[in-house]
Amino acid sequence: MRPLLFVLTAAASVAAEEIVIDFERAEIGKPVPTWSDKGVVFSLASAPVNSKAVGRVMFFLYISTDRKGILNAMANEQAVPLQAKLPRNASSVTLVLWGSTGCAAKLQAFDANDQLVDEAAVAIVPGRKSPAEPVPQFTLRVQAPAIAYIRLSGPRNGEFLAADEMRFVPSAAP
């Protein structure tokens, strides 16, 4: 009986391991239609509305550091959310973010049937207390039994919202 308990415990701990994507291998300033890492595919959630251009994502340097963040590369299409499709369902997704002053941020989680299953938001991203400080980072987290993809939105045209890191916990197998 004891070995079976050990196997079940080991399987549960494997399912709870968090997967981290930090964008450090991405090329700065080169817009691309999609980008992927560890099976997660990042793209815009839909085609641009104000342009016939192909939607693109891009990587931006977090000033004062060597860290990189992913964002919507379409300056006049900020209403189109950044989307990340997961390789398999997750039970939680956390984004570490930074954005321009006055920008809003909303993280939405959807299941495989395109149903909204959770969301987290801030009306205004944290701002610097002085010009010498770096733009503060903050986190948004969503949780549900079977998250298939997430969408990040909030900035208006002329603003930006960048994800510095994505962490997710795969759901236990059904």
N, C-alpha and C. Protein backbone atom coordinates (compact mmCIF):
# COMPACT_ATOMS: atom_id res chain seq x y z
N MET A 1 0.83 -1.19 0.00
CA MET A 1 0.00 0.00 0.00
C MET A 1 0.87 1.25 0.00
N ARG A 2 1.95 1.24 0.71
CA ARG A 2 2.83 2.41 0.81
C ARG A 2 3.43 2.82 -0.54
N PRO A 3 3.93 1.90 -1.38
CA PRO A 3 4.47 2.30 -2.68
C PRO A 3 3.43 3.00 -3.55
N LEU A 4 2.17 2.56 -3.52
CA LEU A 4 1.12 3.21 -4.30
C LEU A 4 0.92 4.64 -3.83
N LEU A 5 0.92 4.87 -2.55
CA LEU A 5 0.79 6.21 -2.01
C LEU A 5 1.94 7.09 -2.49
N PHE A 6 3.16 6.55 -2.52
CA PHE A 6 4.32 7.30 -3.01
C PHE A 6 4.14 7.69 -4.48
N VAL A 7 3.66 6.76 -5.30
CA VAL A 7 3.45 7.04 -6.73
C VAL A 7 2.41 8.14 -6.90
N LEU A 8 1.33 8.08 -6.16
CA LEU A 8 0.30 9.11 -6.26
C LEU A 8 0.85 10.47 -5.81
N THR A 9 1.61 10.49 -4.75
CA THR A 9 2.20 11.74 -4.26
C THR A 9 3.17 12.31 -5.27
N ALA A 10 3.99 11.46 -5.87
CA ALA A 10 4.95 11.93 -6.88
C ALA A 10 4.22 12.49 -8.09
N ALA A 11 3.16 11.85 -8.53
CA ALA A 11 2.40 12.35 -9.68
C ALA A 11 1.77 13.69 -9.37
N ALA A 12 1.26 13.86 -8.18
CA ALA A 12 0.64 15.14 -7.79
C ALA A 12 1.68 16.25 -7.76
N SER A 13 2.90 15.97 -7.30
CA SER A 13 3.91 17.01 -7.25
C SER A 13 4.40 17.39 -8.64
N VAL A 14 4.44 16.43 -9.58
CA VAL A 14 4.83 16.74 -10.95
C VAL A 14 3.80 17.68 -11.58
N ALA A 15 2.51 17.42 -11.36
CA ALA A 15 1.45 18.25 -11.94
C ALA A 15 1.51 19.67 -11.38
N ALA A 16 2.05 19.86 -10.19
CA ALA A 16 2.06 21.17 -9.56
C ALA A 16 3.30 21.99 -9.89
N GLU A 17 4.23 21.45 -10.69
CA GLU A 17 5.44 22.20 -11.02
C GLU A 17 5.12 23.39 -11.91
N GLU A 18 5.64 24.53 -11.52
CA GLU A 18 5.42 25.75 -12.28
C GLU A 18 6.40 25.84 -13.44
N ILE A 19 5.92 26.22 -14.60
CA ILE A 19 6.75 26.42 -15.79
C ILE A 19 6.94 27.92 -15.96
N VAL A 20 8.18 28.35 -16.19
CA VAL A 20 8.50 29.77 -16.28
C VAL A 20 9.03 30.10 -17.67
N ILE A 21 8.49 31.16 -18.26
CA ILE A 21 8.97 31.70 -19.53
C ILE A 21 9.43 33.11 -19.25
N ASP A 22 10.71 33.41 -19.57
CA ASP A 22 11.23 34.74 -19.23
C ASP A 22 11.62 35.60 -20.43
N PHE A 23 11.45 35.14 -21.64
CA PHE A 23 11.67 35.90 -22.88
C PHE A 23 13.11 36.33 -23.11
N GLU A 24 14.05 35.82 -22.34
CA GLU A 24 15.44 36.29 -22.45
C GLU A 24 16.13 35.84 -23.73
N ARG A 25 15.62 34.82 -24.40
CA ARG A 25 16.25 34.40 -25.65
C ARG A 25 15.67 35.12 -26.87
N ALA A 26 14.70 35.98 -26.67
CA ALA A 26 14.05 36.71 -27.77
C ALA A 26 14.92 37.87 -28.25
N GLU A 27 14.73 38.24 -29.50
CA GLU A 27 15.46 39.36 -30.09
C GLU A 27 14.68 40.65 -29.87
N ILE A 28 15.36 41.65 -29.34
CA ILE A 28 14.74 42.95 -29.04
C ILE A 28 14.39 43.68 -30.34
N GLY A 29 13.21 44.32 -30.36
CA GLY A 29 12.85 45.24 -31.43
C GLY A 29 12.53 44.66 -32.79
N LYS A 30 12.41 43.34 -32.90
CA LYS A 30 12.09 42.73 -34.20
C LYS A 30 10.67 42.17 -34.14
N PRO A 31 9.69 42.90 -34.71
CA PRO A 31 8.30 42.41 -34.67
C PRO A 31 8.14 41.09 -35.44
N VAL A 32 7.40 40.16 -34.85
CA VAL A 32 7.13 38.86 -35.47
C VAL A 32 5.64 38.52 -35.28
N PRO A 33 5.04 37.77 -36.22
CA PRO A 33 3.63 37.42 -36.07
C PRO A 33 3.35 36.53 -34.85
N THR A 34 4.27 35.59 -34.56
CA THR A 34 4.12 34.72 -33.39
C THR A 34 5.50 34.46 -32.80
N TRP A 35 5.50 34.05 -31.55
CA TRP A 35 6.73 33.66 -30.88
C TRP A 35 6.35 32.54 -29.92
N SER A 36 7.20 31.53 -29.80
CA SER A 36 6.86 30.43 -28.90
C SER A 36 8.04 30.02 -28.03
N ASP A 37 7.71 29.48 -26.88
CA ASP A 37 8.69 28.96 -25.95
C ASP A 37 7.97 27.95 -25.05
N LYS A 38 8.60 26.82 -24.82
CA LYS A 38 8.07 25.76 -23.94
C LYS A 38 6.64 25.36 -24.33
N GLY A 39 6.35 25.40 -25.63
CA GLY A 39 5.04 25.01 -26.14
C GLY A 39 3.99 26.09 -26.11
N VAL A 40 4.25 27.22 -25.49
CA VAL A 40 3.31 28.34 -25.44
C VAL A 40 3.50 29.20 -26.69
N VAL A 41 2.41 29.51 -27.39
CA VAL A 41 2.47 30.32 -28.60
C VAL A 41 1.86 31.69 -28.31
N PHE A 42 2.69 32.73 -28.49
CA PHE A 42 2.27 34.11 -28.26
C PHE A 42 1.96 34.77 -29.60
N SER A 43 0.86 35.50 -29.65
CA SER A 43 0.46 36.22 -30.85
C SER A 43 -0.57 37.27 -30.44
N LEU A 44 -1.06 38.03 -31.41
CA LEU A 44 -2.19 38.90 -31.12
C LEU A 44 -3.45 38.04 -31.16
N ALA A 45 -4.46 38.40 -30.38
CA ALA A 45 -5.68 37.61 -30.28
C ALA A 45 -6.52 37.67 -31.54
N SER A 46 -6.35 38.71 -32.35
CA SER A 46 -7.10 38.84 -33.59
C SER A 46 -6.31 39.74 -34.54
N ALA A 47 -6.80 39.83 -35.75
CA ALA A 47 -6.15 40.69 -36.74
C ALA A 47 -6.34 42.17 -36.35
N PRO A 48 -5.43 43.03 -36.78
CA PRO A 48 -5.60 44.47 -36.52
C PRO A 48 -6.90 44.99 -37.13
N VAL A 49 -7.47 46.01 -36.51
CA VAL A 49 -8.71 46.60 -37.01
C VAL A 49 -8.48 47.89 -37.79
N ASN A 50 -7.44 48.63 -37.45
CA ASN A 50 -7.17 49.92 -38.08
C ASN A 50 -6.16 49.83 -39.21
N SER A 51 -5.72 48.62 -39.53
CA SER A 51 -4.66 48.44 -40.51
C SER A 51 -4.84 47.11 -41.22
N LYS A 52 -4.30 47.02 -42.41
CA LYS A 52 -4.30 45.74 -43.13
C LYS A 52 -3.02 44.96 -42.86
N ALA A 53 -2.16 45.50 -42.01
CA ALA A 53 -0.90 44.85 -41.67
C ALA A 53 -1.15 43.56 -40.88
N VAL A 54 -0.20 42.67 -40.95
CA VAL A 54 -0.25 41.44 -40.15
C VAL A 54 0.03 41.83 -38.70
N GLY A 55 -0.76 41.30 -37.78
CA GLY A 55 -0.54 41.56 -36.36
C GLY A 55 0.81 41.02 -35.92
N ARG A 56 1.48 41.76 -35.03
CA ARG A 56 2.81 41.34 -34.59
C ARG A 56 3.01 41.57 -33.10
N VAL A 57 3.88 40.75 -32.54
CA VAL A 57 4.34 40.93 -31.18
C VAL A 57 5.81 41.31 -31.26
N MET A 58 6.32 41.89 -30.18
CA MET A 58 7.71 42.33 -30.19
C MET A 58 8.24 42.28 -28.77
N PHE A 59 9.56 42.33 -28.65
CA PHE A 59 10.21 42.32 -27.35
C PHE A 59 10.85 43.67 -27.09
N PHE A 60 10.72 44.11 -25.86
CA PHE A 60 11.09 45.44 -25.44
C PHE A 60 12.00 45.30 -24.23
N LEU A 61 13.03 46.11 -24.16
CA LEU A 61 13.96 46.05 -23.04
C LEU A 61 13.38 46.79 -21.83
N TYR A 62 13.43 46.14 -20.69
CA TYR A 62 13.01 46.77 -19.45
C TYR A 62 14.15 47.67 -19.01
N ILE A 63 14.00 48.97 -19.18
CA ILE A 63 15.05 49.95 -18.96
C ILE A 63 15.64 49.80 -17.56
N SER A 64 16.93 49.97 -17.46
CA SER A 64 17.73 49.83 -16.24
C SER A 64 18.05 48.38 -15.91
N THR A 65 17.65 47.45 -16.77
CA THR A 65 17.96 46.04 -16.56
C THR A 65 18.31 45.42 -17.91
N ASP A 66 18.64 44.15 -17.90
CA ASP A 66 18.84 43.41 -19.14
C ASP A 66 17.64 42.53 -19.45
N ARG A 67 16.56 42.69 -18.71
CA ARG A 67 15.36 41.87 -18.89
C ARG A 67 14.60 42.31 -20.13
N LYS A 68 13.84 41.36 -20.71
CA LYS A 68 13.05 41.62 -21.90
C LYS A 68 11.59 41.30 -21.60
N GLY A 69 10.70 42.01 -22.28
CA GLY A 69 9.27 41.75 -22.14
C GLY A 69 8.60 41.70 -23.49
N ILE A 70 7.52 40.92 -23.58
CA ILE A 70 6.76 40.79 -24.82
C ILE A 70 5.58 41.74 -24.77
N LEU A 71 5.25 42.32 -25.94
CA LEU A 71 4.12 43.23 -26.01
C LEU A 71 3.54 43.25 -27.41
N ASN A 72 2.39 43.90 -27.55
CA ASN A 72 1.75 44.12 -28.84
C ASN A 72 2.61 45.13 -29.58
N ALA A 73 3.14 44.77 -30.76
CA ALA A 73 4.04 45.63 -31.51
C ALA A 73 3.31 46.64 -32.38
N MET A 74 1.99 46.59 -32.40
CA MET A 74 1.19 47.45 -33.28
C MET A 74 0.79 48.71 -32.52
N ALA A 75 1.51 49.81 -32.73
CA ALA A 75 1.31 51.05 -31.96
C ALA A 75 -0.12 51.58 -32.04
N ASN A 76 -0.76 51.43 -33.18
CA ASN A 76 -2.14 51.93 -33.35
C ASN A 76 -3.19 50.84 -33.25
N GLU A 77 -2.82 49.71 -32.67
CA GLU A 77 -3.74 48.57 -32.51
C GLU A 77 -3.71 48.03 -31.09
N GLN A 78 -3.51 48.88 -30.11
CA GLN A 78 -3.38 48.42 -28.74
C GLN A 78 -4.66 47.80 -28.17
N ALA A 79 -5.80 48.01 -28.83
CA ALA A 79 -7.04 47.38 -28.38
C ALA A 79 -7.05 45.88 -28.66
N VAL A 80 -6.14 45.40 -29.51
CA VAL A 80 -6.05 43.97 -29.80
C VAL A 80 -5.19 43.32 -28.71
N PRO A 81 -5.76 42.40 -27.93
CA PRO A 81 -5.00 41.78 -26.84
C PRO A 81 -3.85 40.90 -27.32
N LEU A 82 -2.85 40.79 -26.47
CA LEU A 82 -1.78 39.82 -26.64
C LEU A 82 -2.34 38.49 -26.13
N GLN A 83 -2.11 37.41 -26.86
CA GLN A 83 -2.66 36.11 -26.49
C GLN A 83 -1.54 35.09 -26.32
N ALA A 84 -1.71 34.19 -25.37
CA ALA A 84 -0.76 33.09 -25.17
C ALA A 84 -1.56 31.79 -25.09
N LYS A 85 -1.38 30.90 -26.08
CA LYS A 85 -2.04 29.60 -26.09
C LYS A 85 -1.11 28.59 -25.43
N LEU A 86 -1.63 27.88 -24.46
CA LEU A 86 -0.84 26.92 -23.68
C LEU A 86 -0.79 25.57 -24.38
N PRO A 87 0.30 24.81 -24.19
CA PRO A 87 0.40 23.50 -24.84
C PRO A 87 -0.57 22.48 -24.25
N ARG A 88 -0.95 22.68 -22.99
CA ARG A 88 -1.99 21.89 -22.34
C ARG A 88 -2.61 22.75 -21.26
N ASN A 89 -3.76 22.37 -20.77
CA ASN A 89 -4.47 23.19 -19.79
C ASN A 89 -3.61 23.47 -18.57
N ALA A 90 -3.85 24.64 -17.99
CA ALA A 90 -3.16 25.05 -16.77
C ALA A 90 -4.20 25.38 -15.70
N SER A 91 -3.79 25.28 -14.44
CA SER A 91 -4.68 25.62 -13.33
C SER A 91 -4.44 27.05 -12.84
N SER A 92 -3.28 27.62 -13.19
CA SER A 92 -3.02 29.02 -12.88
C SER A 92 -2.00 29.59 -13.86
N VAL A 93 -2.13 30.88 -14.12
CA VAL A 93 -1.18 31.60 -14.97
C VAL A 93 -0.90 32.93 -14.27
N THR A 94 0.38 33.25 -14.13
CA THR A 94 0.80 34.50 -13.51
C THR A 94 1.69 35.24 -14.49
N LEU A 95 1.42 36.53 -14.66
CA LEU A 95 2.27 37.39 -15.49
C LEU A 95 2.93 38.44 -14.61
N VAL A 96 4.22 38.65 -14.80
CA VAL A 96 4.94 39.77 -14.20
C VAL A 96 5.00 40.83 -15.29
N LEU A 97 4.50 42.02 -14.99
CA LEU A 97 4.27 43.04 -16.01
C LEU A 97 4.88 44.38 -15.65
N TRP A 98 5.02 45.24 -16.64
CA TRP A 98 5.26 46.66 -16.45
C TRP A 98 4.61 47.38 -17.61
N GLY A 99 4.25 48.65 -17.40
CA GLY A 99 3.57 49.39 -18.46
C GLY A 99 3.79 50.88 -18.35
N SER A 100 3.29 51.57 -19.36
CA SER A 100 3.44 53.03 -19.37
C SER A 100 2.52 53.67 -18.34
N THR A 101 2.90 54.85 -17.90
CA THR A 101 2.16 55.59 -16.88
C THR A 101 0.70 55.77 -17.29
N GLY A 102 -0.22 55.44 -16.40
CA GLY A 102 -1.65 55.62 -16.64
C GLY A 102 -2.31 54.48 -17.37
N CYS A 103 -1.56 53.49 -17.76
CA CYS A 103 -2.08 52.35 -18.52
C CYS A 103 -2.86 51.40 -17.60
N ALA A 104 -3.92 50.83 -18.13
CA ALA A 104 -4.66 49.79 -17.42
C ALA A 104 -4.09 48.43 -17.82
N ALA A 105 -4.42 47.40 -17.05
CA ALA A 105 -3.98 46.05 -17.38
C ALA A 105 -5.06 45.05 -17.00
N LYS A 106 -5.37 44.14 -17.94
CA LYS A 106 -6.36 43.10 -17.67
C LYS A 106 -5.85 41.77 -18.22
N LEU A 107 -5.87 40.75 -17.38
CA LEU A 107 -5.50 39.39 -17.76
C LEU A 107 -6.75 38.54 -17.70
N GLN A 108 -7.08 37.88 -18.81
CA GLN A 108 -8.26 37.02 -18.87
C GLN A 108 -7.83 35.60 -19.20
N ALA A 109 -8.48 34.63 -18.58
CA ALA A 109 -8.22 33.21 -18.83
C ALA A 109 -9.45 32.59 -19.49
N PHE A 110 -9.20 31.76 -20.51
CA PHE A 110 -10.27 31.11 -21.25
C PHE A 110 -10.04 29.61 -21.26
N ASP A 111 -11.13 28.84 -21.32
CA ASP A 111 -11.00 27.40 -21.44
C ASP A 111 -11.00 27.00 -22.92
N ALA A 112 -10.95 25.72 -23.21
CA ALA A 112 -10.89 25.22 -24.59
C ALA A 112 -12.16 25.52 -25.37
N ASN A 113 -13.26 25.84 -24.68
CA ASN A 113 -14.52 26.20 -25.34
C ASN A 113 -14.67 27.71 -25.51
N ASP A 114 -13.57 28.44 -25.34
CA ASP A 114 -13.54 29.91 -25.47
C ASP A 114 -14.40 30.63 -24.44
N GLN A 115 -14.63 29.99 -23.31
CA GLN A 115 -15.39 30.60 -22.23
C GLN A 115 -14.44 31.28 -21.26
N LEU A 116 -14.75 32.52 -20.87
CA LEU A 116 -13.97 33.23 -19.87
C LEU A 116 -14.12 32.50 -18.54
N VAL A 117 -12.99 32.09 -17.92
CA VAL A 117 -13.04 31.33 -16.67
C VAL A 117 -12.47 32.11 -15.48
N ASP A 118 -11.70 33.16 -15.74
CA ASP A 118 -11.21 34.01 -14.65
C ASP A 118 -10.59 35.26 -15.26
N GLU A 119 -10.51 36.31 -14.46
CA GLU A 119 -9.81 37.51 -14.89
C GLU A 119 -9.27 38.27 -13.69
N ALA A 120 -8.22 39.03 -13.95
CA ALA A 120 -7.60 39.88 -12.94
C ALA A 120 -7.24 41.19 -13.64
N ALA A 121 -7.32 42.30 -12.91
CA ALA A 121 -7.06 43.59 -13.56
C ALA A 121 -6.60 44.63 -12.55
N VAL A 122 -5.94 45.64 -13.08
CA VAL A 122 -5.66 46.87 -12.33
C VAL A 122 -6.09 48.03 -13.22
N ALA A 123 -6.70 49.04 -12.61
CA ALA A 123 -7.17 50.20 -13.36
C ALA A 123 -6.01 51.03 -13.89
N ILE A 124 -4.95 51.12 -13.08
CA ILE A 124 -3.76 51.88 -13.48
C ILE A 124 -2.54 51.13 -12.97
N VAL A 125 -1.59 50.86 -13.88
CA VAL A 125 -0.37 50.16 -13.47
C VAL A 125 0.42 51.03 -12.50
N PRO A 126 1.21 50.42 -11.62
CA PRO A 126 2.02 51.22 -10.69
C PRO A 126 2.98 52.13 -11.46
N GLY A 127 3.15 53.33 -10.94
CA GLY A 127 4.04 54.30 -11.57
C GLY A 127 5.28 54.57 -10.74
N ARG A 128 6.24 55.21 -11.37
CA ARG A 128 7.47 55.59 -10.66
C ARG A 128 7.18 56.72 -9.68
N LYS A 129 7.93 56.75 -8.60
CA LYS A 129 7.81 57.84 -7.63
C LYS A 129 8.74 58.99 -8.00
N SER A 130 9.77 58.67 -8.81
CA SER A 130 10.67 59.71 -9.32
C SER A 130 11.20 59.26 -10.68
N PRO A 131 11.62 60.21 -11.52
CA PRO A 131 12.12 59.84 -12.85
C PRO A 131 13.35 58.93 -12.81
N ALA A 132 14.09 58.93 -11.72
CA ALA A 132 15.30 58.09 -11.62
C ALA A 132 14.97 56.62 -11.39
N GLU A 133 13.77 56.32 -10.92
CA GLU A 133 13.38 54.94 -10.63
C GLU A 133 12.97 54.20 -11.90
N PRO A 134 13.20 52.88 -11.95
CA PRO A 134 12.66 52.11 -13.07
C PRO A 134 11.14 52.00 -12.95
N VAL A 135 10.48 51.75 -14.05
CA VAL A 135 9.03 51.54 -14.03
C VAL A 135 8.77 50.31 -13.16
N PRO A 136 7.89 50.41 -12.16
CA PRO A 136 7.66 49.27 -11.26
C PRO A 136 7.00 48.09 -11.97
N GLN A 137 7.36 46.90 -11.54
CA GLN A 137 6.70 45.69 -12.02
C GLN A 137 5.57 45.32 -11.07
N PHE A 138 4.61 44.57 -11.59
CA PHE A 138 3.49 44.08 -10.78
C PHE A 138 3.05 42.74 -11.37
N THR A 139 2.24 42.00 -10.64
CA THR A 139 1.77 40.71 -11.14
C THR A 139 0.26 40.66 -11.23
N LEU A 140 -0.22 39.91 -12.21
CA LEU A 140 -1.63 39.55 -12.33
C LEU A 140 -1.67 38.03 -12.44
N ARG A 141 -2.65 37.43 -11.76
CA ARG A 141 -2.75 35.97 -11.74
C ARG A 141 -4.20 35.55 -11.96
N VAL A 142 -4.38 34.51 -12.77
CA VAL A 142 -5.70 33.92 -12.98
C VAL A 142 -5.62 32.45 -12.61
N GLN A 143 -6.75 31.92 -12.13
CA GLN A 143 -6.82 30.51 -11.72
C GLN A 143 -8.15 29.91 -12.17
N ALA A 144 -8.10 28.70 -12.66
CA ALA A 144 -9.29 27.93 -13.04
C ALA A 144 -8.81 26.50 -13.30
N PRO A 145 -9.71 25.53 -13.28
CA PRO A 145 -9.29 24.14 -13.45
C PRO A 145 -8.63 23.83 -14.81
N ALA A 146 -9.06 24.52 -15.87
CA ALA A 146 -8.57 24.15 -17.21
C ALA A 146 -8.41 25.39 -18.09
N ILE A 147 -7.35 26.16 -17.88
CA ILE A 147 -7.08 27.35 -18.69
C ILE A 147 -6.37 26.89 -19.96
N ALA A 148 -6.95 27.21 -21.12
CA ALA A 148 -6.36 26.82 -22.41
C ALA A 148 -5.52 27.96 -23.00
N TYR A 149 -5.94 29.19 -22.74
CA TYR A 149 -5.17 30.35 -23.22
C TYR A 149 -5.52 31.57 -22.39
N ILE A 150 -4.65 32.57 -22.47
CA ILE A 150 -4.87 33.83 -21.76
C ILE A 150 -4.79 34.97 -22.75
N ARG A 151 -5.39 36.10 -22.36
CA ARG A 151 -5.29 37.34 -23.14
C ARG A 151 -4.94 38.48 -22.19
N LEU A 152 -4.01 39.31 -22.65
CA LEU A 152 -3.55 40.46 -21.88
C LEU A 152 -3.93 41.71 -22.66
N SER A 153 -4.65 42.63 -22.01
CA SER A 153 -5.08 43.85 -22.67
C SER A 153 -5.03 45.01 -21.69
N GLY A 154 -5.36 46.19 -22.18
CA GLY A 154 -5.43 47.36 -21.32
C GLY A 154 -4.89 48.64 -21.91
N PRO A 155 -3.73 48.60 -22.59
CA PRO A 155 -3.18 49.87 -23.07
C PRO A 155 -4.03 50.47 -24.20
N ARG A 156 -4.01 51.79 -24.24
CA ARG A 156 -4.61 52.51 -25.36
C ARG A 156 -3.51 52.80 -26.36
N ASN A 157 -3.88 53.21 -27.57
CA ASN A 157 -2.86 53.57 -28.56
C ASN A 157 -1.93 54.61 -27.96
N GLY A 158 -0.64 54.40 -28.15
CA GLY A 158 0.37 55.30 -27.58
C GLY A 158 0.90 54.82 -26.24
N GLU A 159 0.27 53.81 -25.64
CA GLU A 159 0.73 53.23 -24.38
C GLU A 159 1.30 51.84 -24.65
N PHE A 160 1.93 51.24 -23.64
CA PHE A 160 2.40 49.87 -23.79
C PHE A 160 2.20 49.12 -22.48
N LEU A 161 2.09 47.81 -22.61
CA LEU A 161 2.01 46.90 -21.48
C LEU A 161 2.85 45.68 -21.85
N ALA A 162 3.91 45.44 -21.10
CA ALA A 162 4.85 44.36 -21.42
C ALA A 162 4.83 43.29 -20.33
N ALA A 163 4.88 42.04 -20.77
CA ALA A 163 5.00 40.90 -19.85
C ALA A 163 6.47 40.52 -19.75
N ASP A 164 7.03 40.64 -18.56
CA ASP A 164 8.43 40.31 -18.30
C ASP A 164 8.62 38.81 -18.10
N GLU A 165 7.59 38.17 -17.58
CA GLU A 165 7.69 36.74 -17.25
C GLU A 165 6.30 36.15 -17.21
N MET A 166 6.18 34.91 -17.66
CA MET A 166 4.92 34.16 -17.56
C MET A 166 5.21 32.89 -16.80
N ARG A 167 4.39 32.60 -15.79
CA ARG A 167 4.51 31.37 -15.01
C ARG A 167 3.16 30.67 -15.07
N PHE A 168 3.18 29.36 -15.30
CA PHE A 168 1.91 28.63 -15.30
C PHE A 168 2.10 27.24 -14.72
N VAL A 169 1.03 26.74 -14.14
CA VAL A 169 1.03 25.42 -13.52
C VAL A 169 0.09 24.53 -14.36
N PRO A 170 0.64 23.53 -15.04
CA PRO A 170 -0.22 22.64 -15.82
C PRO A 170 -1.25 21.95 -14.92
N SER A 171 -2.45 21.78 -15.45
CA SER A 171 -3.51 21.07 -14.72
C SER A 171 -3.15 19.60 -14.61
N ALA A 172 -3.64 18.96 -13.57
CA ALA A 172 -3.48 17.52 -13.45
C ALA A 172 -4.21 16.85 -14.61
N ALA A 173 -3.68 15.76 -15.11
CA ALA A 173 -4.32 15.05 -16.23
C ALA A 173 -5.72 14.63 -15.84
N PRO A 174 -6.69 14.74 -16.76
CA PRO A 174 -8.09 14.38 -16.43
C PRO A 174 -8.29 12.92 -16.12
